[in-house]
Amino acid sequence: ILRSIRAHWGIENNLHWHLDVTFNEDSTRKTKNAAANFSLLNKIA
């Protein structure tokens, strides 16, 4: 259970942080479908 709890923070450290810092996702000005689709492109990349 403790291993699982600690592993959970991987989504913050290895996904959300990189989307914000490495891919600068928070600065996007896209809207609606384009924003959601570009977010998926970021995850693929």
All heavy atoms as atom14 arrays in JSON, in Angstrom:
{
  "sequence": "ILRSIRAHWGIENNLHWHLDVTFNEDSTRKTKNAAANFSLLNKIA",
  "atom14_mask": [
    [1, 1, 1, 1, 1, 1, 1, 1, 0, 0, 0, 0, 0, 0],
    [1, 1, 1, 1, 1, 1, 1, 1, 0, 0, 0, 0, 0, 0],
    [1, 1, 1, 1, 1, 1, 1, 1, 1, 1, 1, 0, 0, 0],
    [1, 1, 1, 1, 1, 1, 0, 0, 0, 0, 0, 0, 0, 0],
    [1, 1, 1, 1, 1, 1, 1, 1, 0, 0, 0, 0, 0, 0],
    [1, 1, 1, 1, 1, 1, 1, 1, 1, 1, 1, 0, 0, 0],
    [1, 1, 1, 1, 1, 0, 0, 0, 0, 0, 0, 0, 0, 0],
    [1, 1, 1, 1, 1, 1, 1, 1, 1, 1, 0, 0, 0, 0],
    [1, 1, 1, 1, 1, 1, 1, 1, 1, 1, 1, 1, 1, 1],
    [1, 1, 1, 1, 0, 0, 0, 0, 0, 0, 0, 0, 0, 0],
    [1, 1, 1, 1, 1, 1, 1, 1, 0, 0, 0, 0, 0, 0],
    [1, 1, 1, 1, 1, 1, 1, 1, 1, 0, 0, 0, 0, 0],
    [1, 1, 1, 1, 1, 1, 1, 1, 0, 0, 0, 0, 0, 0],
    [1, 1, 1, 1, 1, 1, 1, 1, 0, 0, 0, 0, 0, 0],
    [1, 1, 1, 1, 1, 1, 1, 1, 0, 0, 0, 0, 0, 0],
    [1, 1, 1, 1, 1, 1, 1, 1, 1, 1, 0, 0, 0, 0],
    [1, 1, 1, 1, 1, 1, 1, 1, 1, 1, 1, 1, 1, 1],
    [1, 1, 1, 1, 1, 1, 1, 1, 1, 1, 0, 0, 0, 0],
    [1, 1, 1, 1, 1, 1, 1, 1, 0, 0, 0, 0, 0, 0],
    [1, 1, 1, 1, 1, 1, 1, 1, 0, 0, 0, 0, 0, 0],
    [1, 1, 1, 1, 1, 1, 1, 0, 0, 0, 0, 0, 0, 0],
    [1, 1, 1, 1, 1, 1, 1, 0, 0, 0, 0, 0, 0, 0],
    [1, 1, 1, 1, 1, 1, 1, 1, 1, 1, 1, 0, 0, 0],
    [1, 1, 1, 1, 1, 1, 1, 1, 0, 0, 0, 0, 0, 0],
    [1, 1, 1, 1, 1, 1, 1, 1, 1, 0, 0, 0, 0, 0],
    [1, 1, 1, 1, 1, 1, 1, 1, 0, 0, 0, 0, 0, 0],
    [1, 1, 1, 1, 1, 1, 0, 0, 0, 0, 0, 0, 0, 0],
    [1, 1, 1, 1, 1, 1, 1, 0, 0, 0, 0, 0, 0, 0],
    [1, 1, 1, 1, 1, 1, 1, 1, 1, 1, 1, 0, 0, 0],
    [1, 1, 1, 1, 1, 1, 1, 1, 1, 0, 0, 0, 0, 0],
    [1, 1, 1, 1, 1, 1, 1, 0, 0, 0, 0, 0, 0, 0],
    [1, 1, 1, 1, 1, 1, 1, 1, 1, 0, 0, 0, 0, 0],
    [1, 1, 1, 1, 1, 1, 1, 1, 0, 0, 0, 0, 0, 0],
    [1, 1, 1, 1, 1, 0, 0, 0, 0, 0, 0, 0, 0, 0],
    [1, 1, 1, 1, 1, 0, 0, 0, 0, 0, 0, 0, 0, 0],
    [1, 1, 1, 1, 1, 0, 0, 0, 0, 0, 0, 0, 0, 0],
    [1, 1, 1, 1, 1, 1, 1, 1, 0, 0, 0, 0, 0, 0],
    [1, 1, 1, 1, 1, 1, 1, 1, 1, 1, 1, 0, 0, 0],
    [1, 1, 1, 1, 1, 1, 0, 0, 0, 0, 0, 0, 0, 0],
    [1, 1, 1, 1, 1, 1, 1, 1, 0, 0, 0, 0, 0, 0],
    [1, 1, 1, 1, 1, 1, 1, 1, 0, 0, 0, 0, 0, 0],
    [1, 1, 1, 1, 1, 1, 1, 1, 0, 0, 0, 0, 0, 0],
    [1, 1, 1, 1, 1, 1, 1, 1, 1, 0, 0, 0, 0, 0],
    [1, 1, 1, 1, 1, 1, 1, 1, 0, 0, 0, 0, 0, 0],
    [1, 1, 1, 1, 1, 0, 0, 0, 0, 0, 0, 0, 0, 0]
  ],
  "atom14_positions": [
    [[0.83, -1.2, 0.0], [0.0, 0.0, 0.0], [0.87, 1.26, 0.0], [0.61, 2.21, -0.75], [-0.96, -0.02, 1.21], [-2.03, -1.1, 1.0], [-1.61, 1.35, 1.41], [-2.91, -1.33, 2.21], [0.0, 0.0, 0.0], [0.0, 0.0, 0.0], [0.0, 0.0, 0.0], [0.0, 0.0, 0.0], [0.0, 0.0, 0.0], [0.0, 0.0, 0.0]],
    [[1.93, 1.27, 0.81], [2.82, 2.44, 0.84], [3.51, 2.62, -0.5], [3.65, 3.76, -0.99], [3.85, 2.28, 1.96], [4.85, 3.43, 2.13], [4.13, 4.76, 2.31], [5.79, 3.16, 3.29], [0.0, 0.0, 0.0], [0.0, 0.0, 0.0], [0.0, 0.0, 0.0], [0.0, 0.0, 0.0], [0.0, 0.0, 0.0], [0.0, 0.0, 0.0]],
    [[3.95, 1.53, -1.12], [4.57, 1.64, -2.46], [3.59, 2.24, -3.46], [3.98, 3.05, -4.3], [5.03, 0.26, -2.94], [6.29, -0.27, -2.28], [6.95, -1.34, -3.17], [6.0, -2.33, -3.64], [5.75, -3.48, -3.04], [6.39, -3.79, -1.92], [4.87, -4.34, -3.54], [0.0, 0.0, 0.0], [0.0, 0.0, 0.0], [0.0, 0.0, 0.0]],
    [[2.33, 1.83, -3.38], [1.32, 2.35, -4.31], [1.09, 3.84, -4.1], [0.95, 4.6, -5.06], [0.01, 1.58, -4.12], [0.18, 0.19, -4.39], [0.0, 0.0, 0.0], [0.0, 0.0, 0.0], [0.0, 0.0, 0.0], [0.0, 0.0, 0.0], [0.0, 0.0, 0.0], [0.0, 0.0, 0.0], [0.0, 0.0, 0.0], [0.0, 0.0, 0.0]],
    [[1.03, 4.25, -2.83], [0.82, 5.67, -2.52], [1.98, 6.5, -3.05], [1.79, 7.56, -3.66], [0.66, 5.87, -1.0], [-0.66, 5.23, -0.52], [0.68, 7.35, -0.65], [-0.8, 5.18, 0.99], [0.0, 0.0, 0.0], [0.0, 0.0, 0.0], [0.0, 0.0, 0.0], [0.0, 0.0, 0.0], [0.0, 0.0, 0.0], [0.0, 0.0, 0.0]],
    [[3.21, 6.03, -2.84], [4.37, 6.76, -3.32], [4.41, 6.79, -4.85], [4.8, 7.8, -5.45], [5.65, 6.15, -2.77], [5.8, 6.28, -1.26], [7.22, 6.03, -0.83], [8.12, 7.06, -1.35], [9.45, 7.0, -1.26], [10.03, 5.96, -0.69], [10.2, 7.97, -1.76], [0.0, 0.0, 0.0], [0.0, 0.0, 0.0], [0.0, 0.0, 0.0]],
    [[4.0, 5.7, -5.47], [4.01, 5.64, -6.94], [3.03, 6.64, -7.54], [3.24, 7.13, -8.65], [3.66, 4.23, -7.41], [0.0, 0.0, 0.0], [0.0, 0.0, 0.0], [0.0, 0.0, 0.0], [0.0, 0.0, 0.0], [0.0, 0.0, 0.0], [0.0, 0.0, 0.0], [0.0, 0.0, 0.0], [0.0, 0.0, 0.0], [0.0, 0.0, 0.0]],
    [[1.96, 6.95, -6.79], [0.93, 7.86, -7.32], [1.52, 9.21, -7.72], [1.07, 9.82, -8.69], [-0.17, 8.08, -6.28], [-1.23, 9.04, -6.73], [-2.26, 8.68, -7.59], [-1.41, 10.37, -6.48], [-3.03, 9.73, -7.83], [-2.53, 10.76, -7.17], [0.0, 0.0, 0.0], [0.0, 0.0, 0.0], [0.0, 0.0, 0.0], [0.0, 0.0, 0.0]],
    [[2.52, 9.67, -6.99], [3.07, 10.99, -7.28], [3.83, 11.02, -8.59], [4.22, 12.1, -9.06], [3.95, 11.44, -6.11], [3.13, 11.56, -4.85], [3.17, 10.73, -3.78], [2.11, 12.51, -4.6], [2.23, 11.1, -2.84], [1.56, 12.2, -3.32], [1.58, 13.59, -5.29], [0.53, 12.93, -2.75], [0.55, 14.32, -4.73], [0.04, 13.99, -3.47]],
    [[4.02, 9.87, -9.22], [4.65, 9.85, -10.53], [3.86, 10.61, -11.57], [4.43, 11.17, -12.51], [0.0, 0.0, 0.0], [0.0, 0.0, 0.0], [0.0, 0.0, 0.0], [0.0, 0.0, 0.0], [0.0, 0.0, 0.0], [0.0, 0.0, 0.0], [0.0, 0.0, 0.0], [0.0, 0.0, 0.0], [0.0, 0.0, 0.0], [0.0, 0.0, 0.0]],
    [[2.54, 10.66, -11.42], [1.73, 11.37, -12.41], [1.97, 12.87, -12.32], [1.9, 13.59, -13.32], [0.22, 11.03, -12.25], [-0.56, 11.52, -13.49], [-0.37, 11.63, -10.97], [-1.99, 11.03, -13.54], [0.0, 0.0, 0.0], [0.0, 0.0, 0.0], [0.0, 0.0, 0.0], [0.0, 0.0, 0.0], [0.0, 0.0, 0.0], [0.0, 0.0, 0.0]],
    [[2.28, 13.36, -11.11], [2.61, 14.78, -10.95], [4.02, 15.06, -11.43], [4.27, 16.01, -12.17], [2.47, 15.18, -9.47], [1.04, 15.22, -8.96], [0.25, 16.39, -9.54], [0.88, 17.32, -10.11], [-0.99, 16.37, -9.44], [0.0, 0.0, 0.0], [0.0, 0.0, 0.0], [0.0, 0.0, 0.0], [0.0, 0.0, 0.0], [0.0, 0.0, 0.0]],
    [[4.97, 14.22, -11.01], [6.38, 14.49, -11.28], [6.8, 14.15, -12.71], [7.67, 14.82, -13.28], [7.26, 13.69, -10.31], [7.0, 14.06, -8.86], [6.61, 15.19, -8.57], [7.18, 13.11, -7.96], [0.0, 0.0, 0.0], [0.0, 0.0, 0.0], [0.0, 0.0, 0.0], [0.0, 0.0, 0.0], [0.0, 0.0, 0.0], [0.0, 0.0, 0.0]],
    [[6.19, 13.11, -13.28], [6.65, 12.62, -14.58], [5.7, 12.93, -15.74], [6.09, 12.78, -16.9], [6.87, 11.11, -14.52], [7.95, 10.73, -13.53], [8.98, 11.38, -13.44], [7.7, 9.69, -12.74], [0.0, 0.0, 0.0], [0.0, 0.0, 0.0], [0.0, 0.0, 0.0], [0.0, 0.0, 0.0], [0.0, 0.0, 0.0], [0.0, 0.0, 0.0]],
    [[4.48, 13.35, -15.43], [3.55, 13.72, -16.5], [3.21, 15.21, -16.41], [3.59, 16.0, -17.28], [2.28, 12.88, -16.43], [1.19, 13.26, -17.47], [1.71, 13.02, -18.89], [-0.09, 12.47, -17.23], [0.0, 0.0, 0.0], [0.0, 0.0, 0.0], [0.0, 0.0, 0.0], [0.0, 0.0, 0.0], [0.0, 0.0, 0.0], [0.0, 0.0, 0.0]],
    [[2.5, 15.61, -15.37], [2.02, 17.0, -15.28], [3.17, 18.0, -15.25], [3.11, 19.05, -15.9], [1.13, 17.17, -14.05], [-0.14, 16.39, -14.14], [-0.95, 16.14, -13.04], [-0.76, 15.81, -15.19], [-1.99, 15.43, -13.42], [-1.9, 15.21, -14.71], [0.0, 0.0, 0.0], [0.0, 0.0, 0.0], [0.0, 0.0, 0.0], [0.0, 0.0, 0.0]],
    [[4.24, 17.68, -14.5], [5.36, 18.61, -14.42], [6.01, 18.8, -15.78], [6.32, 19.92, -16.2], [6.39, 18.09, -13.4], [7.48, 19.07, -13.1], [7.49, 20.05, -12.16], [8.75, 19.16, -13.78], [8.67, 20.75, -12.19], [9.48, 20.23, -13.17], [9.36, 18.46, -14.81], [10.75, 20.59, -13.57], [10.63, 18.82, -15.22], [11.32, 19.88, -14.6]],
    [[6.21, 17.69, -16.51], [6.85, 17.8, -17.82], [5.93, 18.5, -18.84], [6.42, 19.24, -19.7], [7.25, 16.41, -18.34], [8.52, 15.91, -17.74], [9.71, 16.59, -17.84], [8.79, 14.8, -17.01], [10.66, 15.92, -17.22], [10.13, 14.83, -16.7], [0.0, 0.0, 0.0], [0.0, 0.0, 0.0], [0.0, 0.0, 0.0], [0.0, 0.0, 0.0]],
    [[4.63, 18.28, -18.74], [3.72, 18.98, -19.64], [3.8, 20.49, -19.41], [3.74, 21.28, -20.36], [2.28, 18.48, -19.45], [1.98, 17.06, -19.94], [0.56, 16.67, -19.6], [2.21, 16.93, -21.45], [0.0, 0.0, 0.0], [0.0, 0.0, 0.0], [0.0, 0.0, 0.0], [0.0, 0.0, 0.0], [0.0, 0.0, 0.0], [0.0, 0.0, 0.0]],
    [[3.93, 20.89, -18.15], [4.02, 22.31, -17.82], [5.38, 22.9, -18.15], [5.48, 23.97, -18.76], [3.72, 22.54, -16.32], [2.25, 22.39, -16.0], [1.43, 22.46, -16.93], [1.93, 22.21, -14.81], [0.0, 0.0, 0.0], [0.0, 0.0, 0.0], [0.0, 0.0, 0.0], [0.0, 0.0, 0.0], [0.0, 0.0, 0.0], [0.0, 0.0, 0.0]],
    [[6.45, 22.2, -17.74], [7.79, 22.77, -17.84], [8.46, 22.45, -19.17], [8.98, 23.34, -19.85], [8.66, 22.26, -16.66], [10.09, 22.78, -16.79], [8.06, 22.71, -15.33], [0.0, 0.0, 0.0], [0.0, 0.0, 0.0], [0.0, 0.0, 0.0], [0.0, 0.0, 0.0], [0.0, 0.0, 0.0], [0.0, 0.0, 0.0], [0.0, 0.0, 0.0]],
    [[8.47, 21.18, -19.56], [9.15, 20.78, -20.79], [8.35, 21.16, -22.03], [8.93, 21.57, -23.05], [9.42, 19.26, -20.79], [10.1, 18.9, -19.58], [10.26, 18.85, -21.98], [0.0, 0.0, 0.0], [0.0, 0.0, 0.0], [0.0, 0.0, 0.0], [0.0, 0.0, 0.0], [0.0, 0.0, 0.0], [0.0, 0.0, 0.0], [0.0, 0.0, 0.0]],
    [[7.01, 21.02, -21.95], [6.17, 21.29, -23.13], [5.42, 22.61, -23.03], [4.68, 22.96, -23.96], [5.17, 20.13, -23.33], [5.81, 18.88, -23.86], [6.48, 18.02, -23.01], [5.76, 18.56, -25.2], [7.09, 16.86, -23.48], [6.35, 17.41, -25.69], [7.03, 16.55, -24.82], [0.0, 0.0, 0.0], [0.0, 0.0, 0.0], [0.0, 0.0, 0.0]],
    [[5.59, 23.32, -21.92], [5.0, 24.66, -21.76], [3.5, 24.66, -22.04], [2.95, 25.59, -22.63], [5.71, 25.66, -22.71], [5.53, 27.1, -22.27], [5.31, 27.38, -21.1], [5.6, 28.01, -23.22], [0.0, 0.0, 0.0], [0.0, 0.0, 0.0], [0.0, 0.0, 0.0], [0.0, 0.0, 0.0], [0.0, 0.0, 0.0], [0.0, 0.0, 0.0]],
    [[2.82, 23.59, -21.59], [1.4, 23.41, -21.95], [0.5, 24.5, -21.38], [-0.49, 24.89, -22.01], [0.92, 22.03, -21.49], [-0.49, 21.69, -21.95], [-0.88, 20.26, -21.66], [-1.23, 19.96, -20.5], [-0.83, 19.44, -22.58], [0.0, 0.0, 0.0], [0.0, 0.0, 0.0], [0.0, 0.0, 0.0], [0.0, 0.0, 0.0], [0.0, 0.0, 0.0]],
    [[0.81, 25.0, -20.19], [-0.06, 25.99, -19.57], [-0.14, 27.31, -20.34], [-1.03, 28.11, -20.1], [0.38, 26.27, -18.12], [-0.29, 25.33, -17.13], [-1.14, 24.53, -17.57], [0.03, 25.39, -15.93], [0.0, 0.0, 0.0], [0.0, 0.0, 0.0], [0.0, 0.0, 0.0], [0.0, 0.0, 0.0], [0.0, 0.0, 0.0], [0.0, 0.0, 0.0]],
    [[0.81, 27.54, -21.24], [0.82, 28.8, -22.0], [0.0, 28.73, -23.27], [-0.11, 29.72, -23.99], [2.27, 29.17, -22.35], [3.02, 29.4, -21.18], [0.0, 0.0, 0.0], [0.0, 0.0, 0.0], [0.0, 0.0, 0.0], [0.0, 0.0, 0.0], [0.0, 0.0, 0.0], [0.0, 0.0, 0.0], [0.0, 0.0, 0.0], [0.0, 0.0, 0.0]],
    [[-0.59, 27.55, -23.56], [-1.35, 27.41, -24.8], [-2.56, 28.34, -24.82], [-3.15, 28.63, -23.77], [-1.81, 25.96, -25.0], [-2.44, 25.84, -26.29], [-2.82, 25.54, -23.94], [0.0, 0.0, 0.0], [0.0, 0.0, 0.0], [0.0, 0.0, 0.0], [0.0, 0.0, 0.0], [0.0, 0.0, 0.0], [0.0, 0.0, 0.0], [0.0, 0.0, 0.0]],
    [[-2.92, 28.82, -25.98], [-4.12, 29.66, -26.14], [-5.14, 28.97, -27.04], [-6.05, 29.6, -27.54], [-3.73, 31.02, -26.73], [-2.95, 31.9, -25.75], [-3.8, 32.28, -24.55], [-3.08, 33.12, -23.6], [-2.42, 32.68, -22.56], [-2.36, 31.38, -22.32], [-1.8, 33.5, -21.75], [0.0, 0.0, 0.0], [0.0, 0.0, 0.0], [0.0, 0.0, 0.0]],
    [[-4.97, 27.68, -27.23], [-5.91, 26.94, -28.05], [-7.21, 26.73, -27.29], [-7.24, 26.77, -26.06], [-5.3, 25.59, -28.47], [-3.98, 25.74, -29.2], [-3.29, 24.42, -29.37], [-1.87, 24.62, -29.84], [-1.01, 25.23, -28.8], [0.0, 0.0, 0.0], [0.0, 0.0, 0.0], [0.0, 0.0, 0.0], [0.0, 0.0, 0.0], [0.0, 0.0, 0.0]],
    [[-8.29, 26.48, -28.0], [-9.6, 26.33, -27.37], [-10.29, 25.06, -27.87], [-9.92, 24.48, -28.89], [-10.51, 27.53, -27.67], [-10.73, 27.63, -29.1], [-9.87, 28.83, -27.17], [0.0, 0.0, 0.0], [0.0, 0.0, 0.0], [0.0, 0.0, 0.0], [0.0, 0.0, 0.0], [0.0, 0.0, 0.0], [0.0, 0.0, 0.0], [0.0, 0.0, 0.0]],
    [[-11.29, 24.63, -27.12], [-12.2, 23.54, -27.47], [-11.43, 22.3, -27.95], [-10.5, 21.85, -27.32], [-13.21, 24.03, -28.52], [-14.08, 25.18, -28.02], [-15.08, 25.63, -29.06], [-15.93, 26.78, -28.53], [-16.89, 27.26, -29.53], [0.0, 0.0, 0.0], [0.0, 0.0, 0.0], [0.0, 0.0, 0.0], [0.0, 0.0, 0.0], [0.0, 0.0, 0.0]],
    [[-11.85, 21.74, -29.09], [-11.26, 20.48, -29.58], [-9.76, 20.61, -29.82], [-8.99, 19.68, -29.54], [-11.94, 20.04, -30.88], [-13.33, 19.5, -30.66], [-13.8, 19.43, -29.53], [-13.99, 19.12, -31.73], [0.0, 0.0, 0.0], [0.0, 0.0, 0.0], [0.0, 0.0, 0.0], [0.0, 0.0, 0.0], [0.0, 0.0, 0.0], [0.0, 0.0, 0.0]],
    [[-9.34, 21.75, -30.35], [-7.92, 21.93, -30.68], [-7.07, 21.83, -29.42], [-5.97, 21.25, -29.44], [-7.71, 23.28, -31.36], [0.0, 0.0, 0.0], [0.0, 0.0, 0.0], [0.0, 0.0, 0.0], [0.0, 0.0, 0.0], [0.0, 0.0, 0.0], [0.0, 0.0, 0.0], [0.0, 0.0, 0.0], [0.0, 0.0, 0.0], [0.0, 0.0, 0.0]],
    [[-7.55, 22.39, -28.31], [-6.79, 22.35, -27.05], [-6.68, 20.92, -26.54], [-5.61, 20.47, -26.12], [-7.45, 23.25, -26.01], [0.0, 0.0, 0.0], [0.0, 0.0, 0.0], [0.0, 0.0, 0.0], [0.0, 0.0, 0.0], [0.0, 0.0, 0.0], [0.0, 0.0, 0.0], [0.0, 0.0, 0.0], [0.0, 0.0, 0.0], [0.0, 0.0, 0.0]],
    [[-7.79, 20.18, -26.55], [-7.77, 18.79, -26.07], [-6.9, 17.92, -26.97], [-6.13, 17.07, -26.48], [-9.2, 18.25, -26.01], [0.0, 0.0, 0.0], [0.0, 0.0, 0.0], [0.0, 0.0, 0.0], [0.0, 0.0, 0.0], [0.0, 0.0, 0.0], [0.0, 0.0, 0.0], [0.0, 0.0, 0.0], [0.0, 0.0, 0.0], [0.0, 0.0, 0.0]],
    [[-7.02, 18.11, -28.29], [-6.22, 17.31, -29.21], [-4.73, 17.62, -29.11], [-3.89, 16.72, -29.18], [-6.7, 17.53, -30.65], [-8.05, 16.86, -30.91], [-8.34, 15.8, -30.36], [-8.87, 17.48, -31.75], [0.0, 0.0, 0.0], [0.0, 0.0, 0.0], [0.0, 0.0, 0.0], [0.0, 0.0, 0.0], [0.0, 0.0, 0.0], [0.0, 0.0, 0.0]],
    [[-4.39, 18.9, -28.91], [-2.97, 19.25, -28.79], [-2.4, 18.72, -27.48], [-1.23, 18.33, -27.41], [-2.78, 20.77, -28.86], [-1.4, 21.18, -29.29], [-1.1, 21.36, -30.63], [-0.39, 21.36, -28.37], [0.18, 21.72, -31.03], [0.9, 21.72, -28.76], [1.18, 21.9, -30.1], [0.0, 0.0, 0.0], [0.0, 0.0, 0.0], [0.0, 0.0, 0.0]],
    [[-3.24, 18.67, -26.44], [-2.78, 18.08, -25.18], [-2.42, 16.61, -25.37], [-1.44, 16.12, -24.81], [-3.87, 18.22, -24.1], [-3.47, 17.62, -22.89], [0.0, 0.0, 0.0], [0.0, 0.0, 0.0], [0.0, 0.0, 0.0], [0.0, 0.0, 0.0], [0.0, 0.0, 0.0], [0.0, 0.0, 0.0], [0.0, 0.0, 0.0], [0.0, 0.0, 0.0]],
    [[-3.21, 15.91, -26.18], [-2.9, 14.51, -26.47], [-1.63, 14.39, -27.3], [-0.81, 13.49, -27.08], [-4.07, 13.84, -27.18], [-3.94, 12.32, -27.4], [-3.69, 11.59, -26.08], [-5.19, 11.77, -28.06], [0.0, 0.0, 0.0], [0.0, 0.0, 0.0], [0.0, 0.0, 0.0], [0.0, 0.0, 0.0], [0.0, 0.0, 0.0], [0.0, 0.0, 0.0]],
    [[-1.43, 15.31, -28.25], [-0.18, 15.32, -29.02], [1.02, 15.5, -28.09], [2.07, 14.86, -28.27], [-0.19, 16.45, -30.05], [-1.14, 16.34, -31.24], [-0.91, 17.51, -32.19], [-0.97, 15.02, -31.97], [0.0, 0.0, 0.0], [0.0, 0.0, 0.0], [0.0, 0.0, 0.0], [0.0, 0.0, 0.0], [0.0, 0.0, 0.0], [0.0, 0.0, 0.0]],
    [[0.87, 16.37, -27.08], [1.95, 16.56, -26.11], [2.26, 15.26, -25.37], [3.43, 14.92, -25.13], [1.57, 17.65, -25.1], [1.75, 19.04, -25.65], [2.5, 19.27, -26.59], [1.05, 20.0, -25.06], [0.0, 0.0, 0.0], [0.0, 0.0, 0.0], [0.0, 0.0, 0.0], [0.0, 0.0, 0.0], [0.0, 0.0, 0.0], [0.0, 0.0, 0.0]],
    [[1.21, 14.52, -24.99], [1.42, 13.26, -24.26], [2.11, 12.23, -25.16], [2.98, 11.48, -24.71], [0.08, 12.72, -23.76], [-0.51, 13.5, -22.59], [-1.74, 12.79, -22.05], [-2.29, 13.47, -20.8], [-2.95, 14.74, -21.1], [0.0, 0.0, 0.0], [0.0, 0.0, 0.0], [0.0, 0.0, 0.0], [0.0, 0.0, 0.0], [0.0, 0.0, 0.0]],
    [[1.7, 12.18, -26.43], [2.34, 11.25, -27.37], [3.82, 11.61, -27.52], [4.7, 10.74, -27.44], [1.63, 11.29, -28.74], [0.21, 10.73, -28.62], [2.42, 10.51, -29.78], [-0.65, 10.96, -29.86], [0.0, 0.0, 0.0], [0.0, 0.0, 0.0], [0.0, 0.0, 0.0], [0.0, 0.0, 0.0], [0.0, 0.0, 0.0], [0.0, 0.0, 0.0]],
    [[4.08, 12.9, -27.71], [5.46, 13.34, -27.88], [6.28, 13.07, -26.62], [7.44, 12.65, -26.7], [5.5, 14.84, -28.21], [0.0, 0.0, 0.0], [0.0, 0.0, 0.0], [0.0, 0.0, 0.0], [0.0, 0.0, 0.0], [0.0, 0.0, 0.0], [0.0, 0.0, 0.0], [0.0, 0.0, 0.0], [0.0, 0.0, 0.0], [0.0, 0.0, 0.0]]
  ]
}
